[in-house]
Amino acid sequence: MIKTLIVKDNDKPVAVVLDYKEYLRLKEIEQDREDYYSASQVKLKNKKWTTHKDLKKTMGL
């Protein structure tokens, strides 16, 4: 179980101390979300697409 500690000031939560591994997991989720929305925006803006097969052929792979 991951322990967290809520820091309060006058009974109002002001900060959270959490396990470093949990912090890294949350940061990864945040980055994945940002990447997803960025890719979605690129996909909406671009009208011309190249298939994976054609891209490999163009690059000589």
Foldseek 3Di string as FASTA:
>chain_A
DWDKDFDDDPNHTDDMDTDPVVVVVVVVVVVVVVVVVVVVVVVVPDDDDDDPVVVCVVVVD
